[in-house]
C-alpha atoms as a PDB file:
ATOM      1  CA  MET A   1      30.852  75.658 122.167  1.00  0.00           C
ATOM      2  CA  ALA A   2      28.469  78.430 121.207  1.00  0.00           C
ATOM      3  CA  ARG A   3      31.150  79.368 118.245  1.00  0.00           C
ATOM      4  CA  LEU A   4      30.865  75.419 117.355  1.00  0.00           C
ATOM      5  CA  ASN A   5      26.959  75.607 117.283  1.00  0.00           C
ATOM      6  CA  LEU A   6      26.563  78.577 115.357  1.00  0.00           C
ATOM      7  CA  TRP A   7      29.203  77.421 112.728  1.00  0.00           C
ATOM      8  CA  ARG A   8      27.313  74.146 112.698  1.00  0.00           C
ATOM      9  CA  TRP A   9      23.812  76.014 111.839  1.00  0.00           C
ATOM     10  CA  ALA A  10      25.472  78.278 109.200  1.00  0.00           C
ATOM     11  CA  VAL A  11      26.982  75.047 107.377  1.00  0.00           C
ATOM     12  CA  LEU A  12      23.416  73.541 107.600  1.00  0.00           C
ATOM     13  CA  ALA A  13      22.080  76.819 106.451  1.00  0.00           C
ATOM     14  CA  GLY A  14      24.250  76.935 103.337  1.00  0.00           C
ATOM     15  CA  ALA A  15      23.826  73.520 102.588  1.00  0.00           C
ATOM     16  CA  GLY A  16      19.723  73.895 102.725  1.00  0.00           C
ATOM     17  CA  LEU A  17      20.199  77.191 100.281  1.00  0.00           C
ATOM     18  CA  TYR A  18      22.079  74.923  98.080  1.00  0.00           C
ATOM     19  CA  PHE A  19      19.628  72.374  97.718  1.00  0.00           C
ATOM     20  CA  LEU A  20      16.368  74.283  98.197  1.00  0.00           C
ATOM     21  CA  VAL A  21      16.918  77.492  96.114  1.00  0.00           C
ATOM     22  CA  PRO A  22      17.298  75.332  92.709  1.00  0.00           C
ATOM     23  CA  LEU A  23      14.361  73.070  93.813  1.00  0.00           C
ATOM     24  CA  ALA A  24      12.139  76.394  94.369  1.00  0.00           C
ATOM     25  CA  ALA A  25      13.474  77.986  91.073  1.00  0.00           C
ATOM     26  CA  SER A  26      12.355  74.860  89.124  1.00  0.00           C
ATOM     27  CA  VAL A  27       8.910  74.914  91.174  1.00  0.00           C
ATOM     28  CA  ILE A  28       8.276  78.455  90.152  1.00  0.00           C
ATOM     29  CA  PHE A  29       8.859  77.589  86.621  1.00  0.00           C
ATOM     30  CA  THR A  30       6.513  74.932  86.305  1.00  0.00           C
ATOM     31  CA  VAL A  31       3.812  76.711  88.076  1.00  0.00           C
ATOM     32  CA  ASP A  32       4.359  80.336  86.524  1.00  0.00           C
ATOM     33  CA  VAL A  33       2.937  80.458  82.926  1.00  0.00           C
ATOM     34  CA  PRO A  34       3.237  83.607  80.961  1.00  0.00           C
ATOM     35  CA  ASP A  35       0.051  85.371  80.675  1.00  0.00           C
ATOM     36  CA  ARG A  36      -1.865  82.636  82.769  1.00  0.00           C
ATOM     37  CA  GLY A  37      -0.517  83.411  85.829  1.00  0.00           C
ATOM     38  CA  VAL A  38      -0.082  80.435  88.686  1.00  0.00           C
ATOM     39  CA  THR A  39      -1.153  77.153  87.153  1.00  0.00           C
ATOM     40  CA  PHE A  40      -0.753  73.277  87.997  1.00  0.00           C
ATOM     41  CA  ASP A  41      -1.306  71.985  84.451  1.00  0.00           C
ATOM     42  CA  ALA A  42       2.516  70.958  84.043  1.00  0.00           C
ATOM     43  CA  TYR A  43       1.551  68.652  87.410  1.00  0.00           C
ATOM     44  CA  THR A  44      -1.809  67.339  86.699  1.00  0.00           C
ATOM     45  CA  GLN A  45      -1.142  66.437  82.993  1.00  0.00           C
ATOM     46  CA  ILE A  46       1.650  63.863  84.088  1.00  0.00           C
ATOM     47  CA  LEU A  47      -0.163  60.901  84.559  1.00  0.00           C
ATOM     48  CA  SER A  48      -2.349  61.314  81.174  1.00  0.00           C
ATOM     49  CA  THR A  49       1.214  61.878  79.099  1.00  0.00           C
ATOM     50  CA  ALA A  50       2.087  58.948  76.921  1.00  0.00           C
ATOM     51  CA  GLY A  51       4.715  57.058  78.011  1.00  0.00           C
ATOM     52  CA  PHE A  52       4.696  57.880  81.721  1.00  0.00           C
ATOM     53  CA  GLY A  53       3.382  54.979  83.151  1.00  0.00           C
ATOM     54  CA  SER A  54       5.077  52.455  81.127  1.00  0.00           C
ATOM     55  CA  SER A  55       8.585  54.149  81.509  1.00  0.00           C
ATOM     56  CA  LEU A  56       8.182  54.459  85.469  1.00  0.00           C
ATOM     57  CA  LEU A  57       6.878  50.707  85.419  1.00  0.00           C
ATOM     58  CA  LEU A  58       9.937  49.860  83.478  1.00  0.00           C
ATOM     59  CA  SER A  59      12.417  51.560  85.782  1.00  0.00           C
ATOM     60  CA  LEU A  60      10.833  50.263  88.838  1.00  0.00           C
ATOM     61  CA  GLU A  61      11.264  46.685  87.397  1.00  0.00           C
ATOM     62  CA  LEU A  62      14.810  47.288  86.427  1.00  0.00           C
ATOM     63  CA  GLY A  63      15.276  48.805  90.099  1.00  0.00           C
ATOM     64  CA  ALA A  64      13.724  45.845  91.686  1.00  0.00           C
ATOM     65  CA  ALA A  65      15.556  43.157  89.627  1.00  0.00           C
ATOM     66  CA  THR A  66      18.996  44.868  89.928  1.00  0.00           C
ATOM     67  CA  ILE A  67      18.841  45.110  93.677  1.00  0.00           C
ATOM     68  CA  ALA A  68      17.951  41.536  93.819  1.00  0.00           C
ATOM     69  CA  LEU A  69      20.627  40.486  91.675  1.00  0.00           C
ATOM     70  CA  VAL A  70      23.431  42.626  93.138  1.00  0.00           C
ATOM     71  CA  LEU A  71      22.576  41.854  96.661  1.00  0.00           C
ATOM     72  CA  LEU A  72      22.550  38.333  95.671  1.00  0.00           C
ATOM     73  CA  LEU A  73      26.166  38.333  94.403  1.00  0.00           C
ATOM     74  CA  MET A  74      27.707  40.683  97.287  1.00  0.00           C
ATOM     75  CA  VAL A  75      26.256  39.738 100.349  1.00  0.00           C
ATOM     76  CA  PRO A  76      27.348  35.871 100.325  1.00  0.00           C
ATOM     77  CA  ALA A  77      30.527  37.112  98.587  1.00  0.00           C
ATOM     78  CA  MET A  78      31.275  39.677 101.275  1.00  0.00           C
ATOM     79  CA  VAL A  79      30.311  37.532 104.199  1.00  0.00           C
ATOM     80  CA  ALA A  80      32.669  34.850 102.554  1.00  0.00           C
ATOM     81  CA  LEU A  81      35.454  37.403 102.282  1.00  0.00           C
ATOM     82  CA  ARG A  82      35.352  38.526 105.685  1.00  0.00           C
ATOM     83  CA  LEU A  83      35.290  35.206 107.010  1.00  0.00           C
ATOM     84  CA  GLY A  84      37.876  33.023 105.027  1.00  0.00           C
ATOM     85  CA  ALA A  85      40.093  35.980 103.120  1.00  0.00           C
ATOM     86  CA  PRO A  86      40.081  39.013 105.041  1.00  0.00           C
ATOM     87  CA  ARG A  87      43.329  39.742 103.313  1.00  0.00           C
ATOM     88  CA  LEU A  88      41.743  39.847  99.844  1.00  0.00           C
ATOM     89  CA  ARG A  89      39.448  42.781 101.143  1.00  0.00           C
ATOM     90  CA  PRO A  90      41.626  45.486  99.380  1.00  0.00           C
ATOM     91  CA  VAL A  91      41.636  43.623  95.840  1.00  0.00           C
ATOM     92  CA  VAL A  92      37.764  43.201  95.992  1.00  0.00           C
ATOM     93  CA  GLU A  93      37.352  46.942  97.288  1.00  0.00           C
ATOM     94  CA  MET A  94      39.738  48.044  94.170  1.00  0.00           C
ATOM     95  CA  VAL A  95      37.661  45.804  91.776  1.00  0.00           C
ATOM     96  CA  CYS A  96      34.038  47.104  93.265  1.00  0.00           C
ATOM     97  CA  SER A  97      35.460  50.731  93.074  1.00  0.00           C
ATOM     98  CA  LEU A  98      36.341  50.557  88.978  1.00  0.00           C
ATOM     99  CA  PRO A  99      33.040  51.644  88.118  1.00  0.00           C
ATOM    100  CA  LEU A 100      33.609  55.075  89.445  1.00  0.00           C
ATOM    101  CA  VAL A 101      36.789  55.754  87.204  1.00  0.00           C
ATOM    102  CA  VAL A 102      35.408  54.271  83.869  1.00  0.00           C
ATOM    103  CA  PRO A 103      33.594  57.151  82.110  1.00  0.00           C
ATOM    104  CA  PRO A 104      29.735  56.097  81.217  1.00  0.00           C
ATOM    105  CA  ILE A 105      30.483  56.639  77.621  1.00  0.00           C
ATOM    106  CA  ALA A 106      33.313  53.901  77.617  1.00  0.00           C
ATOM    107  CA  PHE A 107      31.368  51.682  79.466  1.00  0.00           C
ATOM    108  CA  VAL A 108      28.343  51.424  77.209  1.00  0.00           C
ATOM    109  CA  ALA A 109      30.972  51.491  74.090  1.00  0.00           C
ATOM    110  CA  GLY A 110      31.920  48.242  75.570  1.00  0.00           C
ATOM    111  CA  ILE A 111      28.578  46.913  76.069  1.00  0.00           C
ATOM    112  CA  ALA A 112      27.372  47.744  72.521  1.00  0.00           C
ATOM    113  CA  THR A 113      30.764  46.117  71.273  1.00  0.00           C
ATOM    114  CA  VAL A 114      29.576  43.004  73.093  1.00  0.00           C
ATOM    115  CA  LEU A 115      26.001  43.027  71.903  1.00  0.00           C
ATOM    116  CA  LYS A 116      27.377  43.066  68.341  1.00  0.00           C
ATOM    117  CA  TRP A 117      29.035  39.574  68.878  1.00  0.00           C
ATOM    118  CA  GLY A 118      25.591  38.443  68.744  1.00  0.00           C
ATOM    119  CA  PRO A 119      24.663  38.981  64.794  1.00  0.00           C
ATOM    120  CA  ASP A 120      28.447  39.097  63.893  1.00  0.00           C
ATOM    121  CA  HIS A 121      29.460  35.736  65.125  1.00  0.00           C
ATOM    122  CA  LEU A 122      27.008  33.741  67.023  1.00  0.00           C
ATOM    123  CA  SER A 123      24.047  34.216  64.640  1.00  0.00           C
ATOM    124  CA  ARG A 124      24.302  30.217  64.142  1.00  0.00           C
ATOM    125  CA  THR A 125      24.723  29.229  67.585  1.00  0.00           C
ATOM    126  CA  PRO A 126      22.077  28.647  70.203  1.00  0.00           C
ATOM    127  CA  LEU A 127      23.814  31.606  72.174  1.00  0.00           C
ATOM    128  CA  PHE A 128      22.512  34.129  69.388  1.00  0.00           C
ATOM    129  CA  GLN A 129      18.964  33.611  71.287  1.00  0.00           C
ATOM    130  CA  THR A 130      20.165  34.938  74.417  1.00  0.00           C
ATOM    131  CA  PHE A 131      21.839  37.997  73.118  1.00  0.00           C
ATOM    132  CA  VAL A 132      18.449  38.762  71.542  1.00  0.00           C
ATOM    133  CA  ALA A 133      16.464  38.056  74.825  1.00  0.00           C
ATOM    134  CA  ILE A 134      18.438  40.163  76.876  1.00  0.00           C
ATOM    135  CA  GLN A 135      17.664  43.263  74.347  1.00  0.00           C
ATOM    136  CA  ASN A 136      14.044  42.719  74.451  1.00  0.00           C
ATOM    137  CA  PRO A 137      12.474  46.318  74.892  1.00  0.00           C
ATOM    138  CA  SER A 138       9.963  45.175  77.113  1.00  0.00           C
ATOM    139  CA  PHE A 139      12.530  44.220  79.808  1.00  0.00           C
ATOM    140  CA  PRO A 140      15.886  44.978  78.616  1.00  0.00           C
ATOM    141  CA  PHE A 141      18.125  42.764  80.858  1.00  0.00           C
ATOM    142  CA  VAL A 142      20.982  43.870  79.408  1.00  0.00           C
ATOM    143  CA  LEU A 143      20.652  47.159  81.615  1.00  0.00           C
ATOM    144  CA  VAL A 144      20.186  45.157  84.730  1.00  0.00           C
ATOM    145  CA  LEU A 145      23.514  43.864  83.713  1.00  0.00           C
ATOM    146  CA  ALA A 146      25.026  47.167  83.475  1.00  0.00           C
ATOM    147  CA  TYR A 147      23.010  48.563  86.391  1.00  0.00           C
ATOM    148  CA  VAL A 148      24.657  45.872  88.696  1.00  0.00           C
ATOM    149  CA  VAL A 149      28.263  46.820  87.966  1.00  0.00           C
ATOM    150  CA  MET A 150      27.584  50.812  88.119  1.00  0.00           C
ATOM    151  CA  ALA A 151      26.008  49.846  91.570  1.00  0.00           C
ATOM    152  CA  LEU A 152      28.965  47.844  92.879  1.00  0.00           C
ATOM    153  CA  PRO A 153      31.006  50.806  94.618  1.00  0.00           C
ATOM    154  CA  PHE A 154      27.852  51.799  96.509  1.00  0.00           C
ATOM    155  CA  VAL A 155      26.626  48.465  97.444  1.00  0.00           C
ATOM    156  CA  TYR A 156      30.095  47.575  98.444  1.00  0.00           C
ATOM    157  CA  ARG A 157      30.384  50.716 100.600  1.00  0.00           C
ATOM    158  CA  ALA A 158      26.913  49.976 102.289  1.00  0.00           C
ATOM    159  CA  LEU A 159      27.496  46.461 103.068  1.00  0.00           C
ATOM    160  CA  ASP A 160      31.079  46.939 104.296  1.00  0.00           C
ATOM    161  CA  ALA A 161      29.902  49.607 106.773  1.00  0.00           C
ATOM    162  CA  GLY A 162      27.175  47.059 107.980  1.00  0.00           C
ATOM    163  CA  LEU A 163      29.621  44.249 108.448  1.00  0.00           C
ATOM    164  CA  ARG A 164      31.948  45.975 109.908  1.00  0.00           C
ATOM    165  CA  ALA A 165      29.654  46.749 112.875  1.00  0.00           C
ATOM    166  CA  ILE A 166      28.585  43.356 113.770  1.00  0.00           C
ATOM    167  CA  ASP A 167      30.847  40.150 114.721  1.00  0.00           C
ATOM    168  CA  VAL A 168      30.056  38.021 111.614  1.00  0.00           C
ATOM    169  CA  ARG A 169      32.328  35.353 112.676  1.00  0.00           C
ATOM    170  CA  THR A 170      30.868  35.076 116.210  1.00  0.00           C
ATOM    171  CA  LEU A 171      27.198  34.884 114.740  1.00  0.00           C
ATOM    172  CA  VAL A 172      28.065  32.344 112.219  1.00  0.00           C
ATOM    173  CA  GLU A 173      29.667  29.970 114.704  1.00  0.00           C
ATOM    174  CA  ALA A 174      27.127  30.395 117.314  1.00  0.00           C
ATOM    175  CA  ALA A 175      24.602  29.479 114.573  1.00  0.00           C
ATOM    176  CA  ARG A 176      26.373  26.707 113.487  1.00  0.00           C
ATOM    177  CA  SER A 177      26.641  25.388 117.057  1.00  0.00           C
ATOM    178  CA  CYS A 178      22.865  25.276 116.909  1.00  0.00           C
ATOM    179  CA  GLY A 179      23.123  23.157 114.089  1.00  0.00           C
ATOM    180  CA  ALA A 180      22.346  25.592 111.384  1.00  0.00           C
ATOM    181  CA  SER A 181      23.961  25.055 108.017  1.00  0.00           C
ATOM    182  CA  ARG A 182      26.087  27.828 106.358  1.00  0.00           C
ATOM    183  CA  PRO A 183      23.404  29.177 104.184  1.00  0.00           C
ATOM    184  CA  GLN A 184      20.869  29.284 107.337  1.00  0.00           C
ATOM    185  CA  ALA A 185      23.432  30.812 109.540  1.00  0.00           C
ATOM    186  CA  LEU A 186      23.726  33.478 106.603  1.00  0.00           C
ATOM    187  CA  LEU A 187      20.060  33.704 106.359  1.00  0.00           C
ATOM    188  CA  HIS A 188      18.920  33.879 110.063  1.00  0.00           C
ATOM    189  CA  ALA A 189      21.804  35.095 111.922  1.00  0.00           C
ATOM    190  CA  VAL A 190      23.913  37.533 109.735  1.00  0.00           C
ATOM    191  CA  LEU A 191      21.090  39.137 107.246  1.00  0.00           C
ATOM    192  CA  PRO A 192      18.682  40.332 110.373  1.00  0.00           C
ATOM    193  CA  ASN A 193      21.780  42.222 111.647  1.00  0.00           C
ATOM    194  CA  LEU A 194      22.385  43.581 108.258  1.00  0.00           C
ATOM    195  CA  ARG A 195      18.869  45.311 107.644  1.00  0.00           C
ATOM    196  CA  GLY A 196      20.119  48.715 107.682  1.00  0.00           C
ATOM    197  CA  ALA A 197      22.922  48.380 105.321  1.00  0.00           C
ATOM    198  CA  LEU A 198      20.642  46.099 102.943  1.00  0.00           C
ATOM    199  CA  LEU A 199      18.245  49.016 103.342  1.00  0.00           C
ATOM    200  CA  ASN A 200      21.188  51.522 102.382  1.00  0.00           C
ATOM    201  CA  ALA A 201      22.411  49.460  99.401  1.00  0.00           C
ATOM    202  CA  SER A 202      18.909  49.097  97.981  1.00  0.00           C
ATOM    203  CA  PHE A 203      18.251  52.913  98.268  1.00  0.00           C
ATOM    204  CA  LEU A 204      21.409  53.872  96.462  1.00  0.00           C
ATOM    205  CA  THR A 205      20.886  51.231  93.790  1.00  0.00           C
ATOM    206  CA  LEU A 206      17.239  52.233  93.222  1.00  0.00           C
ATOM    207  CA  ALA A 207      18.088  55.934  92.991  1.00  0.00           C
ATOM    208  CA  LEU A 208      20.992  54.960  90.504  1.00  0.00           C
ATOM    209  CA  VAL A 209      18.351  52.790  88.268  1.00  0.00           C
ATOM    210  CA  LEU A 210      15.845  55.824  88.520  1.00  0.00           C
ATOM    211  CA  GLY A 211      18.408  58.443  87.234  1.00  0.00           C
ATOM    212  CA  GLU A 212      20.630  56.741  85.159  1.00  0.00           C
ATOM    213  CA  PHE A 213      20.507  58.140  81.718  1.00  0.00           C
ATOM    214  CA  THR A 214      23.662  57.741  79.274  1.00  0.00           C
ATOM    215  CA  VAL A 215      23.663  53.737  79.297  1.00  0.00           C
ATOM    216  CA  ALA A 216      19.952  53.576  78.446  1.00  0.00           C
ATOM    217  CA  GLN A 217      19.751  56.316  75.776  1.00  0.00           C
ATOM    218  CA  LEU A 218      22.731  55.046  73.942  1.00  0.00           C
ATOM    219  CA  LEU A 219      21.203  51.491  73.968  1.00  0.00           C
ATOM    220  CA  GLY A 220      18.021  52.601  72.572  1.00  0.00           C
ATOM    221  CA  PHE A 221      15.890  51.884  75.575  1.00  0.00           C
ATOM    222  CA  THR A 222      13.362  54.294  77.274  1.00  0.00           C
ATOM    223  CA  PRO A 223      13.254  54.070  81.243  1.00  0.00           C
ATOM    224  CA  PHE A 224      12.412  56.821  83.306  1.00  0.00           C
ATOM    225  CA  ALA A 225      15.133  59.053  82.739  1.00  0.00           C
ATOM    226  CA  VAL A 226      15.233  59.004  79.003  1.00  0.00           C
ATOM    227  CA  TRP A 227      11.198  59.479  78.674  1.00  0.00           C
ATOM    228  CA  ILE A 228      11.892  62.554  80.987  1.00  0.00           C
ATOM    229  CA  TYR A 229      14.765  63.746  78.172  1.00  0.00           C
ATOM    230  CA  SER A 230      12.334  63.056  75.554  1.00  0.00           C
ATOM    231  CA  VAL A 231       9.596  65.032  77.048  1.00  0.00           C
ATOM    232  CA  GLY A 232      11.587  67.865  77.825  1.00  0.00           C
ATOM    233  CA  GLY A 233      12.292  68.543  74.041  1.00  0.00           C
ATOM    234  CA  SER A 234       8.560  69.251  73.606  1.00  0.00           C
ATOM    235  CA  GLN A 235       6.963  70.062  76.954  1.00  0.00           C
ATOM    236  CA  ALA A 236       9.709  71.653  79.172  1.00  0.00           C
ATOM    237  CA  GLN A 237       7.629  72.761  81.942  1.00  0.00           C
ATOM    238  CA  MET A 238       6.241  68.928  82.298  1.00  0.00           C
ATOM    239  CA  SER A 239       9.850  67.724  82.056  1.00  0.00           C
ATOM    240  CA  VAL A 240      10.955  69.876  84.975  1.00  0.00           C
ATOM    241  CA  ALA A 241       7.730  68.975  86.906  1.00  0.00           C
ATOM    242  CA  VAL A 242       8.397  65.333  86.621  1.00  0.00           C
ATOM    243  CA  SER A 243      11.937  65.994  87.880  1.00  0.00           C
ATOM    244  CA  VAL A 244      10.823  67.913  90.851  1.00  0.00           C
ATOM    245  CA  LEU A 245       8.399  65.144  91.714  1.00  0.00           C
ATOM    246  CA  SER A 246      11.094  62.153  91.245  1.00  0.00           C
ATOM    247  CA  LEU A 247      13.376  64.508  93.525  1.00  0.00           C
ATOM    248  CA  LEU A 248      10.746  64.642  96.334  1.00  0.00           C
ATOM    249  CA  VAL A 249       9.778  60.832  95.804  1.00  0.00           C
ATOM    250  CA  THR A 250      13.749  60.251  96.492  1.00  0.00           C
ATOM    251  CA  TRP A 251      14.074  62.185  99.423  1.00  0.00           C
ATOM    252  CA  ALA A 252      10.871  60.615 100.863  1.00  0.00           C
ATOM    253  CA  LEU A 253      12.401  57.371 100.207  1.00  0.00           C
ATOM    254  CA  LEU A 254      15.322  58.581 101.943  1.00  0.00           C
ATOM    255  CA  LEU A 255      13.415  59.933 104.892  1.00  0.00           C
ATOM    256  CA  SER A 256      11.547  56.848 105.469  1.00  0.00           C
ATOM    257  CA  LEU A 257      14.637  54.588 105.021  1.00  0.00           C
ATOM    258  CA  ALA A 258      16.285  57.048 107.946  1.00  0.00           C
ATOM    259  CA  VAL A 259      13.030  56.321 109.994  1.00  0.00           C
ATOM    260  CA  PHE A 260      12.486  52.623 109.305  1.00  0.00           C
ATOM    261  CA  GLY A 261      16.530  52.069 110.043  1.00  0.00           C
ATOM    262  CA  GLY A 262      16.538  53.999 113.198  1.00  0.00           C
ATOM    263  CA  ARG A 263      13.455  51.922 114.416  1.00  0.00           C
ATOM    264  CA  SER A 264      15.351  48.615 113.373  1.00  0.00           C
ATOM    265  CA  ARG A 265      18.429  49.757 115.657  1.00  0.00           C
ATOM    266  CA  THR A 266      16.402  50.577 118.473  1.00  0.00           C
ATOM    267  CA  ALA A 267      14.256  47.304 118.191  1.00  0.00           C
ATOM    268  CA  ALA A 268      17.822  45.342 118.062  1.00  0.00           C
ATOM    269  CA  LYS A 269      18.997  47.217 121.202  1.00  0.00           C
ATOM    270  CA  GLY A 270      15.597  46.689 123.067  1.00  0.00           C
END
C-alpha cells in the first residue's frame, strides 16, 4: 500500500510539473521586461486593446449557440436511441467520432467549397440569402454549424456516460404512467438526472469554441482565438498574457463544474 501511494504521488507530481512549468514560464515571460524589471503592463492593457471585448463576446455567443444546438440535437436522439434502437448505438458512436479523424484543414476546405455554391449556383434563388446570412461577420452562424460537428465526439461521450448511470426506461415509464407525455418525461424525469453529463458536455463544447483557431481563421472570422493570434504578431507578451488568463479561466470553470456536479450528486442521493 505504501508503494502504491508513493507511486500515485509521483505520478501526480510529474503531471503537475508537466502543466505548471510551462505555465510558470509563460507568466515570467509576460511580467519580466528587459531593462524594466517586473511589470504587469501586459495584463493591465488587455481590456483596452482593440478587439479584445468584441472577439471575446463573439466567442461566448458562438459557444452559447453551439451548446444549445448540439444539446438540442443530441439529448433527444440519444434518449430515443437508448429506448428504441439500442442496436444502432455502435453506428451512432462511429458517426459521432468521425470529426476526430477528419483533419481540420480538410473539414474547413469542405465548408468553403459548400459556401461557394451560393454565388456560383444559387445566386438567383432564395437560398442565396441564407448563404449570405450564415456568413454575417457580426455572428457567423456557419461557425456554429462547424463547431456542432466538431463537438459531437465529446458531447456523445459525456451524454453516453450519463445515460449509462441511470435507468432511462424506468424513468420514462414512471413518468408516462403518471400521465406525462414523452417530451414532458424527457424534460422532467430524464434531464434532471443528466445534470452532470449536460454540464460536462457544455463545458467541453465551450472550451472547444474558445480555443478553436483553424476553421475560424481560414473562413475569415475573428473570434477570441484568432484575435490572440493576430495580437501575438505585434505584442507577444500581451498575447501570452491573454492565453494565460484564458487558461486560468478554463481551469476555474472546470473546478466550478466539479464542485457543482459533486453537490448535485450529493443532493440527489439525499
